[in-house]
C-alpha atoms as a PDB file:
ATOM      1  CA  UNK A   1       9.301 -24.756  30.292  1.00  0.00           C
ATOM      2  CA  UNK A   2      11.798 -23.834  27.578  1.00  0.00           C
ATOM      3  CA  UNK A   3      13.921 -20.709  27.514  1.00  0.00           C
ATOM      4  CA  UNK A   4      12.947 -17.847  25.304  1.00  0.00           C
ATOM      5  CA  UNK A   5      15.040 -17.298  22.198  1.00  0.00           C
ATOM      6  CA  UNK A   6      17.683 -14.737  22.997  1.00  0.00           C
ATOM      7  CA  UNK A   7      18.418 -16.104  26.514  1.00  0.00           C
ATOM      8  CA  UNK A   8      21.718 -17.615  25.316  1.00  0.00           C
ATOM      9  CA  UNK A   9      24.945 -16.286  26.817  1.00  0.00           C
ATOM     10  CA  UNK A  10      26.600 -13.383  24.985  1.00  0.00           C
ATOM     11  CA  UNK A  11      28.601 -14.497  21.991  1.00  0.00           C
ATOM     12  CA  UNK A  12      26.660 -17.708  21.463  1.00  0.00           C
ATOM     13  CA  UNK A  13      24.748 -18.496  18.278  1.00  0.00           C
ATOM     14  CA  UNK A  14      21.144 -17.323  18.237  1.00  0.00           C
ATOM     15  CA  UNK A  15      18.571 -19.911  19.235  1.00  0.00           C
ATOM     16  CA  UNK A  16      17.492 -21.780  16.155  1.00  0.00           C
ATOM     17  CA  UNK A  17      20.420 -20.387  14.190  1.00  0.00           C
ATOM     18  CA  UNK A  18      18.382 -17.622  12.563  1.00  0.00           C
ATOM     19  CA  UNK A  19      20.470 -14.668  11.356  1.00  0.00           C
ATOM     20  CA  UNK A  20      17.382 -12.454  11.666  1.00  0.00           C
ATOM     21  CA  UNK A  21      16.846 -13.001  15.358  1.00  0.00           C
ATOM     22  CA  UNK A  22      17.267  -9.822  17.416  1.00  0.00           C
ATOM     23  CA  UNK A  23      20.130  -9.638  19.881  1.00  0.00           C
ATOM     24  CA  UNK A  24      17.808  -9.203  22.816  1.00  0.00           C
ATOM     25  CA  UNK A  25      14.208 -10.217  23.459  1.00  0.00           C
ATOM     26  CA  UNK A  26      12.226  -8.879  26.378  1.00  0.00           C
ATOM     27  CA  UNK A  27      10.346 -11.463  28.389  1.00  0.00           C
ATOM     28  CA  UNK A  28       6.704 -10.567  29.028  1.00  0.00           C
ATOM     29  CA  UNK A  29       4.581 -12.334  31.604  1.00  0.00           C
ATOM     30  CA  UNK A  30       1.449 -13.961  30.307  1.00  0.00           C
ATOM     31  CA  UNK A  31      -0.095 -17.124  28.943  1.00  0.00           C
ATOM     32  CA  UNK A  32       1.510 -19.408  26.401  1.00  0.00           C
ATOM     33  CA  UNK A  33       4.547 -21.580  25.945  1.00  0.00           C
ATOM     34  CA  UNK A  34       7.490 -19.824  24.245  1.00  0.00           C
ATOM     35  CA  UNK A  35       8.221 -20.991  20.711  1.00  0.00           C
ATOM     36  CA  UNK A  36      10.967 -20.253  18.150  1.00  0.00           C
ATOM     37  CA  UNK A  37       8.899 -17.878  16.008  1.00  0.00           C
ATOM     38  CA  UNK A  38       9.404 -14.141  15.631  1.00  0.00           C
ATOM     39  CA  UNK A  39       6.373 -11.883  15.353  1.00  0.00           C
ATOM     40  CA  UNK A  40       6.042  -9.130  12.777  1.00  0.00           C
ATOM     41  CA  UNK A  41       3.642  -6.744  14.518  1.00  0.00           C
ATOM     42  CA  UNK A  42       1.693  -4.453  12.192  1.00  0.00           C
ATOM     43  CA  UNK A  43      -0.642  -2.456  14.471  1.00  0.00           C
ATOM     44  CA  UNK A  44      -0.995   0.284  11.845  1.00  0.00           C
ATOM     45  CA  UNK A  45      -3.051  -2.189   9.829  1.00  0.00           C
ATOM     46  CA  UNK A  46      -5.825  -1.990  12.427  1.00  0.00           C
ATOM     47  CA  UNK A  47      -6.914   1.291  10.858  1.00  0.00           C
ATOM     48  CA  UNK A  48      -7.661  -0.625   7.671  1.00  0.00           C
ATOM     49  CA  UNK A  49      -9.231  -3.599   9.430  1.00  0.00           C
ATOM     50  CA  UNK A  50     -11.457  -1.351  11.546  1.00  0.00           C
ATOM     51  CA  UNK A  51     -12.462   0.723   8.541  1.00  0.00           C
ATOM     52  CA  UNK A  52     -11.019   3.995   9.845  1.00  0.00           C
ATOM     53  CA  UNK A  53     -11.178   6.860   7.332  1.00  0.00           C
ATOM     54  CA  UNK A  54     -13.671   4.927   5.223  1.00  0.00           C
ATOM     55  CA  UNK A  55     -16.469   7.215   4.010  1.00  0.00           C
ATOM     56  CA  UNK A  56     -19.813   6.830   5.719  1.00  0.00           C
ATOM     57  CA  UNK A  57     -21.710   8.346   2.802  1.00  0.00           C
ATOM     58  CA  UNK A  58     -21.562   8.262  -0.978  1.00  0.00           C
ATOM     59  CA  UNK A  59     -21.519  12.037  -1.425  1.00  0.00           C
ATOM     60  CA  UNK A  60     -18.500  14.131  -2.279  1.00  0.00           C
ATOM     61  CA  UNK A  61     -16.725  16.386   0.195  1.00  0.00           C
ATOM     62  CA  UNK A  62     -14.443  15.993   3.190  1.00  0.00           C
ATOM     63  CA  UNK A  63     -15.940  12.594   4.033  1.00  0.00           C
ATOM     64  CA  UNK A  64     -14.431  11.183   0.826  1.00  0.00           C
ATOM     65  CA  UNK A  65     -10.650  10.795   1.077  1.00  0.00           C
ATOM     66  CA  UNK A  66     -10.246  10.932  -2.710  1.00  0.00           C
ATOM     67  CA  UNK A  67     -11.989  14.326  -2.732  1.00  0.00           C
ATOM     68  CA  UNK A  68      -9.956  15.578   0.245  1.00  0.00           C
ATOM     69  CA  UNK A  69      -6.473  14.399  -0.827  1.00  0.00           C
ATOM     70  CA  UNK A  70      -6.009  16.902  -3.699  1.00  0.00           C
ATOM     71  CA  UNK A  71      -6.446  19.795  -1.251  1.00  0.00           C
ATOM     72  CA  UNK A  72      -3.366  18.610   0.689  1.00  0.00           C
ATOM     73  CA  UNK A  73       0.283  19.234  -0.169  1.00  0.00           C
ATOM     74  CA  UNK A  74       1.601  16.416  -2.346  1.00  0.00           C
ATOM     75  CA  UNK A  75       3.849  14.973   0.384  1.00  0.00           C
ATOM     76  CA  UNK A  76       1.042  14.973   2.976  1.00  0.00           C
ATOM     77  CA  UNK A  77      -1.501  13.437   0.598  1.00  0.00           C
ATOM     78  CA  UNK A  78       1.041  10.995  -0.891  1.00  0.00           C
ATOM     79  CA  UNK A  79       0.254  12.401  -4.337  1.00  0.00           C
ATOM     80  CA  UNK A  80       2.892  11.369  -6.857  1.00  0.00           C
ATOM     81  CA  UNK A  81       1.641  13.358  -9.853  1.00  0.00           C
ATOM     82  CA  UNK A  82      -1.278  15.653 -10.756  1.00  0.00           C
ATOM     83  CA  UNK A  83      -2.871  15.660 -14.195  1.00  0.00           C
ATOM     84  CA  UNK A  84      -5.522  17.996 -15.651  1.00  0.00           C
ATOM     85  CA  UNK A  85      -8.512  15.921 -14.511  1.00  0.00           C
ATOM     86  CA  UNK A  86      -7.010  13.073 -12.441  1.00  0.00           C
ATOM     87  CA  UNK A  87      -4.107  12.423 -10.096  1.00  0.00           C
ATOM     88  CA  UNK A  88      -1.845   9.522  -9.081  1.00  0.00           C
ATOM     89  CA  UNK A  89      -1.571   8.751  -5.375  1.00  0.00           C
ATOM     90  CA  UNK A  90       0.042   6.005  -3.315  1.00  0.00           C
ATOM     91  CA  UNK A  91      -2.251   3.462  -1.716  1.00  0.00           C
ATOM     92  CA  UNK A  92      -2.142   3.922   2.048  1.00  0.00           C
ATOM     93  CA  UNK A  93      -2.442   0.143   2.453  1.00  0.00           C
ATOM     94  CA  UNK A  94      -0.244  -1.106  -0.413  1.00  0.00           C
ATOM     95  CA  UNK A  95      -0.183  -4.644  -1.687  1.00  0.00           C
ATOM     96  CA  UNK A  96       3.376  -4.075  -2.934  1.00  0.00           C
ATOM     97  CA  UNK A  97       5.836  -1.176  -2.782  1.00  0.00           C
ATOM     98  CA  UNK A  98       4.840   1.420  -5.361  1.00  0.00           C
ATOM     99  CA  UNK A  99       1.142   0.454  -5.335  1.00  0.00           C
ATOM    100  CA  UNK A 100      -0.513   3.499  -6.912  1.00  0.00           C
ATOM    101  CA  UNK A 101      -4.066   4.570  -7.604  1.00  0.00           C
ATOM    102  CA  UNK A 102      -5.149   6.854 -10.444  1.00  0.00           C
ATOM    103  CA  UNK A 103      -8.150   8.919  -9.339  1.00  0.00           C
ATOM    104  CA  UNK A 104     -10.306  11.506 -11.125  1.00  0.00           C
ATOM    105  CA  UNK A 105     -10.724  14.736  -9.194  1.00  0.00           C
ATOM    106  CA  UNK A 106     -14.447  14.619  -9.848  1.00  0.00           C
ATOM    107  CA  UNK A 107     -16.478  12.528  -7.415  1.00  0.00           C
ATOM    108  CA  UNK A 108     -17.851   9.886  -9.767  1.00  0.00           C
ATOM    109  CA  UNK A 109     -18.480   6.209  -9.109  1.00  0.00           C
ATOM    110  CA  UNK A 110     -18.847   4.522 -12.474  1.00  0.00           C
ATOM    111  CA  UNK A 111     -16.312   4.313 -15.274  1.00  0.00           C
ATOM    112  CA  UNK A 112     -19.025   4.891 -17.860  1.00  0.00           C
ATOM    113  CA  UNK A 113     -19.781   8.274 -16.257  1.00  0.00           C
ATOM    114  CA  UNK A 114     -16.299   9.672 -16.919  1.00  0.00           C
ATOM    115  CA  UNK A 115     -15.943  12.365 -19.540  1.00  0.00           C
ATOM    116  CA  UNK A 116     -13.710  11.670 -22.562  1.00  0.00           C
ATOM    117  CA  UNK A 117     -11.099  13.988 -21.025  1.00  0.00           C
ATOM    118  CA  UNK A 118     -11.172  12.084 -17.725  1.00  0.00           C
ATOM    119  CA  UNK A 119     -10.880   8.729 -19.510  1.00  0.00           C
ATOM    120  CA  UNK A 120      -7.869  10.045 -21.423  1.00  0.00           C
ATOM    121  CA  UNK A 121      -6.226  11.438 -18.290  1.00  0.00           C
ATOM    122  CA  UNK A 122      -6.744   8.231 -16.295  1.00  0.00           C
ATOM    123  CA  UNK A 123      -5.203   6.231 -19.153  1.00  0.00           C
ATOM    124  CA  UNK A 124      -2.252   8.608 -19.506  1.00  0.00           C
ATOM    125  CA  UNK A 125      -1.510   8.633 -15.786  1.00  0.00           C
ATOM    126  CA  UNK A 126      -1.747   4.840 -15.650  1.00  0.00           C
ATOM    127  CA  UNK A 127       0.804   4.531 -18.447  1.00  0.00           C
ATOM    128  CA  UNK A 128       3.080   7.090 -16.792  1.00  0.00           C
ATOM    129  CA  UNK A 129       2.737   5.312 -13.432  1.00  0.00           C
ATOM    130  CA  UNK A 130       3.972   2.083 -15.010  1.00  0.00           C
ATOM    131  CA  UNK A 131       6.920   3.910 -16.556  1.00  0.00           C
ATOM    132  CA  UNK A 132       7.823   5.584 -13.249  1.00  0.00           C
ATOM    133  CA  UNK A 133       7.699   2.334 -11.285  1.00  0.00           C
ATOM    134  CA  UNK A 134       9.843   0.580 -13.896  1.00  0.00           C
ATOM    135  CA  UNK A 135      12.411   3.374 -13.674  1.00  0.00           C
ATOM    136  CA  UNK A 136      12.395   3.378  -9.876  1.00  0.00           C
ATOM    137  CA  UNK A 137      12.286  -0.329  -9.127  1.00  0.00           C
ATOM    138  CA  UNK A 138      12.370  -2.421 -12.312  1.00  0.00           C
ATOM    139  CA  UNK A 139       8.971  -4.057 -11.790  1.00  0.00           C
ATOM    140  CA  UNK A 140       8.574  -7.378 -13.606  1.00  0.00           C
ATOM    141  CA  UNK A 141       4.863  -6.851 -14.272  1.00  0.00           C
ATOM    142  CA  UNK A 142       1.704  -5.113 -13.110  1.00  0.00           C
ATOM    143  CA  UNK A 143      -1.845  -5.770 -12.001  1.00  0.00           C
ATOM    144  CA  UNK A 144      -4.004  -2.924 -13.305  1.00  0.00           C
ATOM    145  CA  UNK A 145      -7.720  -2.507 -12.788  1.00  0.00           C
ATOM    146  CA  UNK A 146     -10.637  -1.089 -10.877  1.00  0.00           C
ATOM    147  CA  UNK A 147     -13.353  -2.641  -8.763  1.00  0.00           C
ATOM    148  CA  UNK A 148     -16.723  -1.200  -9.733  1.00  0.00           C
ATOM    149  CA  UNK A 149     -19.150  -1.281  -6.817  1.00  0.00           C
ATOM    150  CA  UNK A 150     -18.939  -2.720  -3.317  1.00  0.00           C
ATOM    151  CA  UNK A 151     -20.095  -6.121  -4.579  1.00  0.00           C
ATOM    152  CA  UNK A 152     -16.975  -6.173  -6.792  1.00  0.00           C
ATOM    153  CA  UNK A 153     -14.687  -5.371  -3.872  1.00  0.00           C
ATOM    154  CA  UNK A 154     -14.336  -1.594  -4.109  1.00  0.00           C
ATOM    155  CA  UNK A 155     -13.273  -0.260  -0.714  1.00  0.00           C
ATOM    156  CA  UNK A 156     -14.476   3.247  -1.601  1.00  0.00           C
ATOM    157  CA  UNK A 157     -17.086   2.545  -4.251  1.00  0.00           C
ATOM    158  CA  UNK A 158     -18.445   6.094  -4.509  1.00  0.00           C
ATOM    159  CA  UNK A 159     -15.242   7.553  -5.973  1.00  0.00           C
ATOM    160  CA  UNK A 160     -13.737   5.646  -8.877  1.00  0.00           C
ATOM    161  CA  UNK A 161     -10.043   4.739  -8.636  1.00  0.00           C
ATOM    162  CA  UNK A 162      -7.799   2.537 -10.745  1.00  0.00           C
ATOM    163  CA  UNK A 163      -5.113   0.426  -9.077  1.00  0.00           C
ATOM    164  CA  UNK A 164      -1.618   0.091 -10.509  1.00  0.00           C
ATOM    165  CA  UNK A 165       0.139  -2.678  -8.571  1.00  0.00           C
ATOM    166  CA  UNK A 166       3.754  -3.523  -9.445  1.00  0.00           C
ATOM    167  CA  UNK A 167       4.706  -7.195  -9.314  1.00  0.00           C
ATOM    168  CA  UNK A 168       7.996  -9.042  -8.978  1.00  0.00           C
ATOM    169  CA  UNK A 169       8.827 -12.716  -9.158  1.00  0.00           C
ATOM    170  CA  UNK A 170       8.428 -14.258  -5.703  1.00  0.00           C
ATOM    171  CA  UNK A 171       6.463 -11.336  -4.216  1.00  0.00           C
ATOM    172  CA  UNK A 172       3.699 -13.733  -3.230  1.00  0.00           C
ATOM    173  CA  UNK A 173       5.280 -16.009  -0.648  1.00  0.00           C
ATOM    174  CA  UNK A 174       4.245 -17.596   2.614  1.00  0.00           C
ATOM    175  CA  UNK A 175       3.788 -14.255   4.389  1.00  0.00           C
ATOM    176  CA  UNK A 176       0.672 -13.044   2.533  1.00  0.00           C
ATOM    177  CA  UNK A 177      -0.562 -16.545   1.732  1.00  0.00           C
ATOM    178  CA  UNK A 178      -0.247 -18.065   5.211  1.00  0.00           C
ATOM    179  CA  UNK A 179       0.177 -15.111   7.568  1.00  0.00           C
ATOM    180  CA  UNK A 180      -1.941 -12.556   5.659  1.00  0.00           C
ATOM    181  CA  UNK A 181       0.910 -10.076   6.128  1.00  0.00           C
ATOM    182  CA  UNK A 182       2.785  -8.009   3.559  1.00  0.00           C
ATOM    183  CA  UNK A 183       6.377  -7.085   4.332  1.00  0.00           C
ATOM    184  CA  UNK A 184       7.133  -3.651   2.863  1.00  0.00           C
ATOM    185  CA  UNK A 185      10.771  -2.500   2.794  1.00  0.00           C
ATOM    186  CA  UNK A 186      10.191   1.204   2.217  1.00  0.00           C
ATOM    187  CA  UNK A 187       8.209   3.953   3.941  1.00  0.00           C
ATOM    188  CA  UNK A 188       5.394   5.490   1.902  1.00  0.00           C
ATOM    189  CA  UNK A 189       6.943   8.960   2.062  1.00  0.00           C
ATOM    190  CA  UNK A 190      10.186   7.617   0.595  1.00  0.00           C
ATOM    191  CA  UNK A 191       8.298   5.719  -2.114  1.00  0.00           C
ATOM    192  CA  UNK A 192       6.339   8.860  -3.039  1.00  0.00           C
ATOM    193  CA  UNK A 193       9.515  10.933  -3.383  1.00  0.00           C
ATOM    194  CA  UNK A 194      11.215   8.259  -5.488  1.00  0.00           C
ATOM    195  CA  UNK A 195       8.269   7.828  -7.868  1.00  0.00           C
ATOM    196  CA  UNK A 196       7.713  11.580  -8.191  1.00  0.00           C
ATOM    197  CA  UNK A 197      11.373  11.950  -9.177  1.00  0.00           C
ATOM    198  CA  UNK A 198      11.039   9.080 -11.678  1.00  0.00           C
ATOM    199  CA  UNK A 199       7.758  10.316 -13.210  1.00  0.00           C
ATOM    200  CA  UNK A 200       8.210  10.718 -16.986  1.00  0.00           C
ATOM    201  CA  UNK A 201       7.815  14.159 -18.506  1.00  0.00           C
ATOM    202  CA  UNK A 202       5.255  14.407 -21.331  1.00  0.00           C
END
C-alpha cells in the first residue's frame, strides 16, 4: 500500500514533483489503490449530462430557456447584448471561454423561417460577438454555426440559436480529448461583464 500524495513531511517536495499538487490532501476511506493523479471534479456538469433545464416540449414559453432568458436581468440571464430582434447570451456549458450564442427572441426552429430583419440581426450580432471576443481575449479564430434539428445535434432544436465559439492554438489538448473535460479559467459572470464592456458600439 503506497502513501497518498501529500503525506510527505512539511517542507519536502510534493510527491511526483508536480507544482500543481495541493499542499494537503484529505484521505478518504474506500476502495482503490492510491495513484499519483489529481482529480478535477466538475459536479456542475451533471446538470448538462442529466438534461436538467432541457425543454420537454417544442412550444414557446417558460419551458424554453431561450424564451425565458430575455425576461431576466442581463447579469442573471448571462445576456451580453440585446439587439432589436435577437440577443447574444453566454452558453451555460461553454466549450471555450467566451462561447456565445446568438438567439432570436421569436420562438422559431428553422433558419429558413426567420424574417429578413431577424436574419440581419443574427448576422450583425454574430459579427459584433467576434469583435467583442477579439477585444477581450484576442481569440485566434472562431467556430460559428448552428445545428438544425435534433438529428444534427441541436440540444434545444425548437428554438434556433447560432454558436460563436472562440478558438486559440492549443485549446484542444488531452483534457477534452482523453478526459472529456474542459478547463475554464473564468467564471461565466466575469466573462459576461468583460464581453459586455468590450461589445462594439454601432
